[in-house]
Amino acid sequence: MTNFIFFGDMLVMAFMAVLAVWILSRGKSKTLDEIARIPLEDEEHDG
């Protein structure tokens, strides 16, 4: 039973790692930079 849980957990972790790599590799660098800056530029400041 312990082996079943261990290998199941390893399978889920491998799936999540592949999913993260796939999502990060399919986007263009400029698009990812724009998405990453959203939290930094979410407020409009009057100068």
C-alpha atoms as a PDB file:
ATOM      1  CA  MET A   1       0.000   0.000   0.000  1.00  0.00           C
ATOM      2  CA  THR A   2       2.838   2.378   0.817  1.00  0.00           C
ATOM      3  CA  ASN A   3       4.413   1.769  -2.590  1.00  0.00           C
ATOM      4  CA  PHE A   4       1.088   2.504  -4.289  1.00  0.00           C
ATOM      5  CA  ILE A   5       0.798   5.859  -2.507  1.00  0.00           C
ATOM      6  CA  PHE A   6       4.454   6.698  -3.166  1.00  0.00           C
ATOM      7  CA  PHE A   7       4.336   5.939  -6.899  1.00  0.00           C
ATOM      8  CA  GLY A   8       0.990   7.682  -7.244  1.00  0.00           C
ATOM      9  CA  ASP A   9       2.451  10.772  -5.626  1.00  0.00           C
ATOM     10  CA  MET A  10       5.506  10.617  -7.917  1.00  0.00           C
ATOM     11  CA  LEU A  11       3.212  10.332 -10.936  1.00  0.00           C
ATOM     12  CA  VAL A  12       1.201  13.394  -9.883  1.00  0.00           C
ATOM     13  CA  MET A  13       4.360  15.409  -9.193  1.00  0.00           C
ATOM     14  CA  ALA A  14       5.797  14.466 -12.597  1.00  0.00           C
ATOM     15  CA  PHE A  15       2.547  15.506 -14.276  1.00  0.00           C
ATOM     16  CA  MET A  16       2.560  18.889 -12.529  1.00  0.00           C
ATOM     17  CA  ALA A  17       6.222  19.493 -13.429  1.00  0.00           C
ATOM     18  CA  VAL A  18       5.575  18.655 -17.096  1.00  0.00           C
ATOM     19  CA  LEU A  19       2.497  20.886 -17.081  1.00  0.00           C
ATOM     20  CA  ALA A  20       4.462  23.831 -15.651  1.00  0.00           C
ATOM     21  CA  VAL A  21       7.265  23.402 -18.188  1.00  0.00           C
ATOM     22  CA  TRP A  22       4.749  23.135 -21.029  1.00  0.00           C
ATOM     23  CA  ILE A  23       2.883  26.294 -19.984  1.00  0.00           C
ATOM     24  CA  LEU A  24       6.084  28.300 -19.529  1.00  0.00           C
ATOM     25  CA  SER A  25       7.633  27.118 -22.788  1.00  0.00           C
ATOM     26  CA  ARG A  26       4.649  27.750 -25.062  1.00  0.00           C
ATOM     27  CA  GLY A  27       4.376  31.464 -24.322  1.00  0.00           C
ATOM     28  CA  LYS A  28       6.488  34.144 -25.884  1.00  0.00           C
ATOM     29  CA  SER A  29       8.987  35.921 -23.698  1.00  0.00           C
ATOM     30  CA  LYS A  30       7.341  39.315 -24.206  1.00  0.00           C
ATOM     31  CA  THR A  31       3.908  37.965 -23.295  1.00  0.00           C
ATOM     32  CA  LEU A  32       5.233  36.337 -20.122  1.00  0.00           C
ATOM     33  CA  ASP A  33       6.976  39.579 -19.142  1.00  0.00           C
ATOM     34  CA  GLU A  34       3.732  41.528 -19.594  1.00  0.00           C
ATOM     35  CA  ILE A  35       1.815  38.997 -17.487  1.00  0.00           C
ATOM     36  CA  ALA A  36       4.467  39.094 -14.760  1.00  0.00           C
ATOM     37  CA  ARG A  37       4.253  42.911 -14.555  1.00  0.00           C
ATOM     38  CA  ILE A  38       0.473  43.010 -13.980  1.00  0.00           C
ATOM     39  CA  PRO A  39       0.729  42.993 -10.149  1.00  0.00           C
ATOM     40  CA  LEU A  40       3.333  45.761 -10.287  1.00  0.00           C
ATOM     41  CA  GLU A  41       1.268  48.040 -12.512  1.00  0.00           C
ATOM     42  CA  ASP A  42      -2.251  47.417 -11.242  1.00  0.00           C
ATOM     43  CA  GLU A  43      -2.708  50.849  -9.697  1.00  0.00           C
ATOM     44  CA  GLU A  44      -2.851  54.144 -11.505  1.00  0.00           C
ATOM     45  CA  HIS A  45      -0.949  56.896  -9.734  1.00  0.00           C
ATOM     46  CA  ASP A  46      -1.665  60.508 -10.463  1.00  0.00           C
ATOM     47  CA  GLY A  47       1.643  62.217 -10.813  1.00  0.00           C
END
